[in-house]
Amino acid sequence: MKDILTNYDFIAAIIQTLFFIILGFILRCTNVFDDKFSKVISKLVLTLCIPCLAFTSFMTDLELESFRNNVYLFLICFLLYII
């Protein structure tokens, strides 16, 4: 668990995600993006980006340590999602 929370790549991914969420929120509040753009980008992410990310995440060798880390990561993300 300590290895996951101190992993630079994990922290960088969280920071990047938060940055893009905040950026999108600011651009939406300032009316740079309208409702139509929001629907288009959501459809693009759901139909193209997420399946591509899921596919590439499965293209790694399966090792016990990486599997264990991924299970811990899944549990952390699931708990954060519930909170």
PDB file of N, CA and C in Angstrom:
ATOM      1  N   MET A   1       0.816  -1.187   0.000  1.00  0.00           N
ATOM      2  CA  MET A   1       0.000   0.000   0.000  1.00  0.00           C
ATOM      3  C   MET A   1       0.868   1.262   0.000  1.00  0.00           C
ATOM      4  N   LYS A   2       1.950   1.213   0.793  1.00  0.00           N
ATOM      5  CA  LYS A   2       2.862   2.355   0.854  1.00  0.00           C
ATOM      6  C   LYS A   2       3.527   2.588  -0.501  1.00  0.00           C
ATOM      7  N   ASP A   3       3.860   1.497  -1.195  1.00  0.00           N
ATOM      8  CA  ASP A   3       4.505   1.620  -2.507  1.00  0.00           C
ATOM      9  C   ASP A   3       3.584   2.318  -3.505  1.00  0.00           C
ATOM     10  N   ILE A   4       2.302   2.032  -3.428  1.00  0.00           N
ATOM     11  CA  ILE A   4       1.351   2.640  -4.361  1.00  0.00           C
ATOM     12  C   ILE A   4       1.203   4.129  -4.088  1.00  0.00           C
ATOM     13  N   LEU A   5       1.012   4.481  -2.816  1.00  0.00           N
ATOM     14  CA  LEU A   5       0.779   5.879  -2.472  1.00  0.00           C
ATOM     15  C   LEU A   5       2.014   6.749  -2.613  1.00  0.00           C
ATOM     16  N   THR A   6       3.195   6.151  -2.641  1.00  0.00           N
ATOM     17  CA  THR A   6       4.422   6.924  -2.839  1.00  0.00           C
ATOM     18  C   THR A   6       4.968   6.790  -4.261  1.00  0.00           C
ATOM     19  N   ASN A   7       4.250   6.107  -5.114  1.00  0.00           N
ATOM     20  CA  ASN A   7       4.668   5.931  -6.502  1.00  0.00           C
ATOM     21  C   ASN A   7       4.478   7.240  -7.261  1.00  0.00           C
ATOM     22  N   TYR A   8       5.543   7.723  -7.884  1.00  0.00           N
ATOM     23  CA  TYR A   8       5.492   8.994  -8.606  1.00  0.00           C
ATOM     24  C   TYR A   8       4.487   8.948  -9.749  1.00  0.00           C
ATOM     25  N   ASP A   9       4.426   7.854 -10.480  1.00  0.00           N
ATOM     26  CA  ASP A   9       3.493   7.756 -11.603  1.00  0.00           C
ATOM     27  C   ASP A   9       2.045   7.823 -11.137  1.00  0.00           C
ATOM     28  N   PHE A  10       1.748   7.197 -10.017  1.00  0.00           N
ATOM     29  CA  PHE A  10       0.395   7.236  -9.465  1.00  0.00           C
ATOM     30  C   PHE A  10       0.010   8.656  -9.067  1.00  0.00           C
ATOM     31  N   ILE A  11       0.900   9.331  -8.363  1.00  0.00           N
ATOM     32  CA  ILE A  11       0.635  10.703  -7.936  1.00  0.00           C
ATOM     33  C   ILE A  11       0.509  11.624  -9.143  1.00  0.00           C
ATOM     34  N   ALA A  12       1.359  11.443 -10.141  1.00  0.00           N
ATOM     35  CA  ALA A  12       1.298  12.265 -11.351  1.00  0.00           C
ATOM     36  C   ALA A  12      -0.023  12.054 -12.088  1.00  0.00           C
ATOM     37  N   ALA A  13      -0.509  10.828 -12.151  1.00  0.00           N
ATOM     38  CA  ALA A  13      -1.783  10.559 -12.815  1.00  0.00           C
ATOM     39  C   ALA A  13      -2.937  11.223 -12.082  1.00  0.00           C
ATOM     40  N   ILE A  14      -2.911  11.183 -10.768  1.00  0.00           N
ATOM     41  CA  ILE A  14      -3.961  11.834  -9.976  1.00  0.00           C
ATOM     42  C   ILE A  14      -3.927  13.345 -10.194  1.00  0.00           C
ATOM     43  N   ILE A  15      -2.749  13.930 -10.168  1.00  0.00           N
ATOM     44  CA  ILE A  15      -2.618  15.377 -10.363  1.00  0.00           C
ATOM     45  C   ILE A  15      -3.067  15.780 -11.762  1.00  0.00           C
ATOM     46  N   GLN A  16      -2.691  15.016 -12.779  1.00  0.00           N
ATOM     47  CA  GLN A  16      -3.125  15.320 -14.134  1.00  0.00           C
ATOM     48  C   GLN A  16      -4.638  15.242 -14.268  1.00  0.00           C
ATOM     49  N   THR A  17      -5.238  14.239 -13.671  1.00  0.00           N
ATOM     50  CA  THR A  17      -6.683  14.095 -13.734  1.00  0.00           C
ATOM     51  C   THR A  17      -7.377  15.269 -13.060  1.00  0.00           C
ATOM     52  N   LEU A  18      -6.907  15.632 -11.879  1.00  0.00           N
ATOM     53  CA  LEU A  18      -7.499  16.777 -11.185  1.00  0.00           C
ATOM     54  C   LEU A  18      -7.320  18.067 -11.973  1.00  0.00           C
ATOM     55  N   PHE A  19      -6.161  18.235 -12.602  1.00  0.00           N
ATOM     56  CA  PHE A  19      -5.925  19.422 -13.416  1.00  0.00           C
ATOM     57  C   PHE A  19      -6.923  19.521 -14.564  1.00  0.00           C
ATOM     58  N   PHE A  20      -7.157  18.420 -15.268  1.00  0.00           N
ATOM     59  CA  PHE A  20      -8.086  18.452 -16.391  1.00  0.00           C
ATOM     60  C   PHE A  20      -9.533  18.640 -15.925  1.00  0.00           C
ATOM     61  N   ILE A  21      -9.877  18.093 -14.780  1.00  0.00           N
ATOM     62  CA  ILE A  21     -11.226  18.307 -14.250  1.00  0.00           C
ATOM     63  C   ILE A  21     -11.423  19.775 -13.895  1.00  0.00           C
ATOM     64  N   ILE A  22     -10.462  20.368 -13.233  1.00  0.00           N
ATOM     65  CA  ILE A  22     -10.564  21.778 -12.856  1.00  0.00           C
ATOM     66  C   ILE A  22     -10.553  22.670 -14.085  1.00  0.00           C
ATOM     67  N   LEU A  23      -9.708  22.356 -15.055  1.00  0.00           N
ATOM     68  CA  LEU A  23      -9.668  23.126 -16.296  1.00  0.00           C
ATOM     69  C   LEU A  23     -11.007  23.074 -17.018  1.00  0.00           C
ATOM     70  N   GLY A  24     -11.576  21.882 -17.129  1.00  0.00           N
ATOM     71  CA  GLY A  24     -12.892  21.752 -17.771  1.00  0.00           C
ATOM     72  C   GLY A  24     -13.967  22.500 -17.024  1.00  0.00           C
ATOM     73  N   PHE A  25     -13.924  22.456 -15.700  1.00  0.00           N
ATOM     74  CA  PHE A  25     -14.902  23.183 -14.891  1.00  0.00           C
ATOM     75  C   PHE A  25     -14.800  24.685 -15.123  1.00  0.00           C
ATOM     76  N   ILE A  26     -13.578  25.206 -15.131  1.00  0.00           N
ATOM     77  CA  ILE A  26     -13.368  26.639 -15.344  1.00  0.00           C
ATOM     78  C   ILE A  26     -13.816  27.043 -16.744  1.00  0.00           C
ATOM     79  N   LEU A  27     -13.450  26.253 -17.756  1.00  0.00           N
ATOM     80  CA  LEU A  27     -13.846  26.591 -19.132  1.00  0.00           C
ATOM     81  C   LEU A  27     -15.356  26.528 -19.321  1.00  0.00           C
ATOM     82  N   ARG A  28     -16.008  25.609 -18.624  1.00  0.00           N
ATOM     83  CA  ARG A  28     -17.466  25.504 -18.715  1.00  0.00           C
ATOM     84  C   ARG A  28     -18.142  26.658 -17.994  1.00  0.00           C
ATOM     85  N   CYS A  29     -17.625  27.049 -16.835  1.00  0.00           N
ATOM     86  CA  CYS A  29     -18.216  28.160 -16.075  1.00  0.00           C
ATOM     87  C   CYS A  29     -18.037  29.497 -16.775  1.00  0.00           C
ATOM     88  N   THR A  30     -16.960  29.649 -17.526  1.00  0.00           N
ATOM     89  CA  THR A  30     -16.726  30.896 -18.253  1.00  0.00           C
ATOM     90  C   THR A  30     -17.369  30.885 -19.638  1.00  0.00           C
ATOM     91  N   ASN A  31     -18.135  29.839 -19.927  1.00  0.00           N
ATOM     92  CA  ASN A  31     -18.868  29.699 -21.201  1.00  0.00           C
ATOM     93  C   ASN A  31     -17.965  29.647 -22.428  1.00  0.00           C
ATOM     94  N   VAL A  32     -16.745  29.174 -22.236  1.00  0.00           N
ATOM     95  CA  VAL A  32     -15.886  28.920 -23.390  1.00  0.00           C
ATOM     96  C   VAL A  32     -16.435  27.710 -24.154  1.00  0.00           C
ATOM     97  N   PHE A  33     -16.911  26.717 -23.403  1.00  0.00           N
ATOM     98  CA  PHE A  33     -17.554  25.539 -23.993  1.00  0.00           C
ATOM     99  C   PHE A  33     -19.035  25.598 -23.679  1.00  0.00           C
ATOM    100  N   ASP A  34     -19.862  25.346 -24.679  1.00  0.00           N
ATOM    101  CA  ASP A  34     -21.304  25.345 -24.452  1.00  0.00           C
ATOM    102  C   ASP A  34     -21.802  23.925 -24.181  1.00  0.00           C
ATOM    103  N   ASP A  35     -23.116  23.772 -24.004  1.00  0.00           N
ATOM    104  CA  ASP A  35     -23.699  22.456 -23.718  1.00  0.00           C
ATOM    105  C   ASP A  35     -23.468  21.468 -24.854  1.00  0.00           C
ATOM    106  N   LYS A  36     -23.515  21.946 -26.083  1.00  0.00           N
ATOM    107  CA  LYS A  36     -23.326  21.052 -27.231  1.00  0.00           C
ATOM    108  C   LYS A  36     -21.910  20.469 -27.238  1.00  0.00           C
ATOM    109  N   PHE A  37     -20.918  21.294 -26.956  1.00  0.00           N
ATOM    110  CA  PHE A  37     -19.535  20.819 -26.915  1.00  0.00           C
ATOM    111  C   PHE A  37     -19.356  19.782 -25.810  1.00  0.00           C
ATOM    112  N   SER A  38     -19.993  20.011 -24.690  1.00  0.00           N
ATOM    113  CA  SER A  38     -19.900  19.082 -23.571  1.00  0.00           C
ATOM    114  C   SER A  38     -20.425  17.702 -23.947  1.00  0.00           C
ATOM    115  N   LYS A  39     -21.514  17.653 -24.666  1.00  0.00           N
ATOM    116  CA  LYS A  39     -22.085  16.367 -25.086  1.00  0.00           C
ATOM    117  C   LYS A  39     -21.174  15.662 -26.084  1.00  0.00           C
ATOM    118  N   VAL A  40     -20.588  16.420 -26.989  1.00  0.00           N
ATOM    119  CA  VAL A  40     -19.693  15.839 -27.992  1.00  0.00           C
ATOM    120  C   VAL A  40     -18.443  15.272 -27.340  1.00  0.00           C
ATOM    121  N   ILE A  41     -17.847  16.019 -26.444  1.00  0.00           N
ATOM    122  CA  ILE A  41     -16.613  15.542 -25.809  1.00  0.00           C
ATOM    123  C   ILE A  41     -16.895  14.345 -24.899  1.00  0.00           C
ATOM    124  N   SER A  42     -18.045  14.336 -24.244  1.00  0.00           N
ATOM    125  CA  SER A  42     -18.404  13.188 -23.401  1.00  0.00           C
ATOM    126  C   SER A  42     -18.581  11.932 -24.244  1.00  0.00           C
ATOM    127  N   LYS A  43     -19.234  12.074 -25.383  1.00  0.00           N
ATOM    128  CA  LYS A  43     -19.428  10.921 -26.264  1.00  0.00           C
ATOM    129  C   LYS A  43     -18.090  10.426 -26.809  1.00  0.00           C
ATOM    130  N   LEU A  44     -17.211  11.339 -27.151  1.00  0.00           N
ATOM    131  CA  LEU A  44     -15.890  10.971 -27.649  1.00  0.00           C
ATOM    132  C   LEU A  44     -15.100  10.198 -26.599  1.00  0.00           C
ATOM    133  N   VAL A  45     -15.116  10.681 -25.368  1.00  0.00           N
ATOM    134  CA  VAL A  45     -14.382  10.013 -24.289  1.00  0.00           C
ATOM    135  C   VAL A  45     -14.958   8.628 -24.031  1.00  0.00           C
ATOM    136  N   LEU A  46     -16.289   8.533 -23.958  1.00  0.00           N
ATOM    137  CA  LEU A  46     -16.909   7.250 -23.633  1.00  0.00           C
ATOM    138  C   LEU A  46     -16.774   6.217 -24.744  1.00  0.00           C
ATOM    139  N   THR A  47     -16.820   6.637 -25.990  1.00  0.00           N
ATOM    140  CA  THR A  47     -16.797   5.670 -27.085  1.00  0.00           C
ATOM    141  C   THR A  47     -15.410   5.396 -27.647  1.00  0.00           C
ATOM    142  N   LEU A  48     -14.459   6.291 -27.419  1.00  0.00           N
ATOM    143  CA  LEU A  48     -13.140   6.099 -28.012  1.00  0.00           C
ATOM    144  C   LEU A  48     -12.021   6.012 -26.971  1.00  0.00           C
ATOM    145  N   CYS A  49     -11.932   6.983 -26.115  1.00  0.00           N
ATOM    146  CA  CYS A  49     -10.787   7.064 -25.199  1.00  0.00           C
ATOM    147  C   CYS A  49     -10.783   5.969 -24.141  1.00  0.00           C
ATOM    148  N   ILE A  50     -11.904   5.748 -23.478  1.00  0.00           N
ATOM    149  CA  ILE A  50     -11.937   4.739 -22.407  1.00  0.00           C
ATOM    150  C   ILE A  50     -11.675   3.336 -22.943  1.00  0.00           C
ATOM    151  N   PRO A  51     -12.297   2.917 -24.057  1.00  0.00           N
ATOM    152  CA  PRO A  51     -11.947   1.585 -24.577  1.00  0.00           C
ATOM    153  C   PRO A  51     -10.469   1.463 -24.971  1.00  0.00           C
ATOM    154  N   CYS A  52      -9.891   2.520 -25.533  1.00  0.00           N
ATOM    155  CA  CYS A  52      -8.473   2.472 -25.883  1.00  0.00           C
ATOM    156  C   CYS A  52      -7.596   2.362 -24.647  1.00  0.00           C
ATOM    157  N   LEU A  53      -7.922   3.098 -23.607  1.00  0.00           N
ATOM    158  CA  LEU A  53      -7.151   3.002 -22.366  1.00  0.00           C
ATOM    159  C   LEU A  53      -7.283   1.623 -21.736  1.00  0.00           C
ATOM    160  N   ALA A  54      -8.486   1.074 -21.764  1.00  0.00           N
ATOM    161  CA  ALA A  54      -8.683  -0.264 -21.202  1.00  0.00           C
ATOM    162  C   ALA A  54      -7.888  -1.296 -21.995  1.00  0.00           C
ATOM    163  N   PHE A  55      -7.898  -1.185 -23.302  1.00  0.00           N
ATOM    164  CA  PHE A  55      -7.165  -2.134 -24.143  1.00  0.00           C
ATOM    165  C   PHE A  55      -5.663  -2.058 -23.876  1.00  0.00           C
ATOM    166  N   THR A  56      -5.112  -0.851 -23.822  1.00  0.00           N
ATOM    167  CA  THR A  56      -3.671  -0.727 -23.611  1.00  0.00           C
ATOM    168  C   THR A  56      -3.263  -1.150 -22.202  1.00  0.00           C
ATOM    169  N   SER A  57      -4.163  -1.001 -21.235  1.00  0.00           N
ATOM    170  CA  SER A  57      -3.800  -1.411 -19.882  1.00  0.00           C
ATOM    171  C   SER A  57      -3.685  -2.925 -19.755  1.00  0.00           C
ATOM    172  N   PHE A  58      -4.353  -3.663 -20.634  1.00  0.00           N
ATOM    173  CA  PHE A  58      -4.256  -5.117 -20.599  1.00  0.00           C
ATOM    174  C   PHE A  58      -3.075  -5.657 -21.403  1.00  0.00           C
ATOM    175  N   MET A  59      -2.348  -4.802 -22.078  1.00  0.00           N
ATOM    176  CA  MET A  59      -1.246  -5.230 -22.922  1.00  0.00           C
ATOM    177  C   MET A  59       0.082  -5.263 -22.157  1.00  0.00           C
ATOM    178  N   THR A  60       0.066  -5.786 -20.944  1.00  0.00           N
ATOM    179  CA  THR A  60       1.276  -5.910 -20.145  1.00  0.00           C
ATOM    180  C   THR A  60       1.419  -7.352 -19.680  1.00  0.00           C
ATOM    181  N   ASP A  61       2.636  -7.715 -19.322  1.00  0.00           N
ATOM    182  CA  ASP A  61       2.876  -9.040 -18.765  1.00  0.00           C
ATOM    183  C   ASP A  61       2.274  -9.109 -17.362  1.00  0.00           C
ATOM    184  N   LEU A  62       1.689 -10.230 -17.052  1.00  0.00           N
ATOM    185  CA  LEU A  62       1.069 -10.417 -15.744  1.00  0.00           C
ATOM    186  C   LEU A  62       2.092 -10.974 -14.764  1.00  0.00           C
ATOM    187  N   GLU A  63       2.358 -10.212 -13.727  1.00  0.00           N
ATOM    188  CA  GLU A  63       3.246 -10.633 -12.655  1.00  0.00           C
ATOM    189  C   GLU A  63       2.489 -10.499 -11.344  1.00  0.00           C
ATOM    190  N   LEU A  64       2.836 -11.310 -10.385  1.00  0.00           N
ATOM    191  CA  LEU A  64       2.119 -11.325  -9.111  1.00  0.00           C
ATOM    192  C   LEU A  64       2.191  -9.969  -8.409  1.00  0.00           C
ATOM    193  N   GLU A  65       3.343  -9.350  -8.408  1.00  0.00           N
ATOM    194  CA  GLU A  65       3.499  -8.058  -7.727  1.00  0.00           C
ATOM    195  C   GLU A  65       2.677  -6.959  -8.401  1.00  0.00           C
ATOM    196  N   SER A  66       2.709  -6.913  -9.730  1.00  0.00           N
ATOM    197  CA  SER A  66       1.912  -5.897 -10.425  1.00  0.00           C
ATOM    198  C   SER A  66       0.419  -6.173 -10.260  1.00  0.00           C
ATOM    199  N   PHE A  67       0.031  -7.441 -10.224  1.00  0.00           N
ATOM    200  CA  PHE A  67      -1.366  -7.791  -9.998  1.00  0.00           C
ATOM    201  C   PHE A  67      -1.813  -7.329  -8.610  1.00  0.00           C
ATOM    202  N   ARG A  68      -0.979  -7.578  -7.619  1.00  0.00           N
ATOM    203  CA  ARG A  68      -1.290  -7.153  -6.253  1.00  0.00           C
ATOM    204  C   ARG A  68      -1.418  -5.636  -6.173  1.00  0.00           C
ATOM    205  N   ASN A  69      -0.511  -4.908  -6.819  1.00  0.00           N
ATOM    206  CA  ASN A  69      -0.583  -3.447  -6.828  1.00  0.00           C
ATOM    207  C   ASN A  69      -1.845  -2.958  -7.529  1.00  0.00           C
ATOM    208  N   ASN A  70      -2.210  -3.621  -8.606  1.00  0.00           N
ATOM    209  CA  ASN A  70      -3.417  -3.213  -9.326  1.00  0.00           C
ATOM    210  C   ASN A  70      -4.678  -3.469  -8.508  1.00  0.00           C
ATOM    211  N   VAL A  71      -4.685  -4.539  -7.742  1.00  0.00           N
ATOM    212  CA  VAL A  71      -5.847  -4.803  -6.878  1.00  0.00           C
ATOM    213  C   VAL A  71      -5.941  -3.734  -5.798  1.00  0.00           C
ATOM    214  N   TYR A  72      -4.817  -3.387  -5.176  1.00  0.00           N
ATOM    215  CA  TYR A  72      -4.810  -2.314  -4.177  1.00  0.00           C
ATOM    216  C   TYR A  72      -5.275  -0.996  -4.801  1.00  0.00           C
ATOM    217  N   LEU A  73      -4.776  -0.698  -5.976  1.00  0.00           N
ATOM    218  CA  LEU A  73      -5.155   0.530  -6.668  1.00  0.00           C
ATOM    219  C   LEU A  73      -6.652   0.552  -6.970  1.00  0.00           C
ATOM    220  N   PHE A  74      -7.178  -0.573  -7.417  1.00  0.00           N
ATOM    221  CA  PHE A  74      -8.612  -0.671  -7.692  1.00  0.00           C
ATOM    222  C   PHE A  74      -9.419  -0.416  -6.425  1.00  0.00           C
ATOM    223  N   LEU A  75      -8.995  -1.004  -5.317  1.00  0.00           N
ATOM    224  CA  LEU A  75      -9.722  -0.819  -4.071  1.00  0.00           C
ATOM    225  C   LEU A  75      -9.676   0.636  -3.599  1.00  0.00           C
ATOM    226  N   ILE A  76      -8.527   1.266  -3.741  1.00  0.00           N
ATOM    227  CA  ILE A  76      -8.401   2.685  -3.360  1.00  0.00           C
ATOM    228  C   ILE A  76      -9.323   3.535  -4.227  1.00  0.00           C
ATOM    229  N   CYS A  77      -9.297   3.311  -5.530  1.00  0.00           N
ATOM    230  CA  CYS A  77     -10.148   4.091  -6.436  1.00  0.00           C
ATOM    231  C   CYS A  77     -11.623   3.841  -6.161  1.00  0.00           C
ATOM    232  N   PHE A  78     -11.981   2.604  -5.871  1.00  0.00           N
ATOM    233  CA  PHE A  78     -13.362   2.281  -5.571  1.00  0.00           C
ATOM    234  C   PHE A  78     -13.817   2.992  -4.300  1.00  0.00           C
ATOM    235  N   LEU A  79     -12.984   2.998  -3.271  1.00  0.00           N
ATOM    236  CA  LEU A  79     -13.319   3.686  -2.041  1.00  0.00           C
ATOM    237  C   LEU A  79     -13.437   5.190  -2.256  1.00  0.00           C
ATOM    238  N   LEU A  80     -12.525   5.759  -3.026  1.00  0.00           N
ATOM    239  CA  LEU A  80     -12.612   7.190  -3.332  1.00  0.00           C
ATOM    240  C   LEU A  80     -13.853   7.525  -4.125  1.00  0.00           C
ATOM    241  N   TYR A  81     -14.242   6.638  -5.016  1.00  0.00           N
ATOM    242  CA  TYR A  81     -15.455   6.851  -5.804  1.00  0.00           C
ATOM    243  C   TYR A  81     -16.690   6.841  -4.908  1.00  0.00           C
ATOM    244  N   ILE A  82     -16.712   5.934  -3.957  1.00  0.00           N
ATOM    245  CA  ILE A  82     -17.848   5.858  -3.034  1.00  0.00           C
ATOM    246  C   ILE A  82     -17.910   7.112  -2.150  1.00  0.00           C
ATOM    247  N   ILE A  83     -16.749   7.549  -1.683  1.00  0.00           N
ATOM    248  CA  ILE A  83     -16.691   8.750  -0.822  1.00  0.00           C
ATOM    249  C   ILE A  83     -17.114   9.964  -1.615  1.00  0.00           C
TER     250      ILE A  83
END
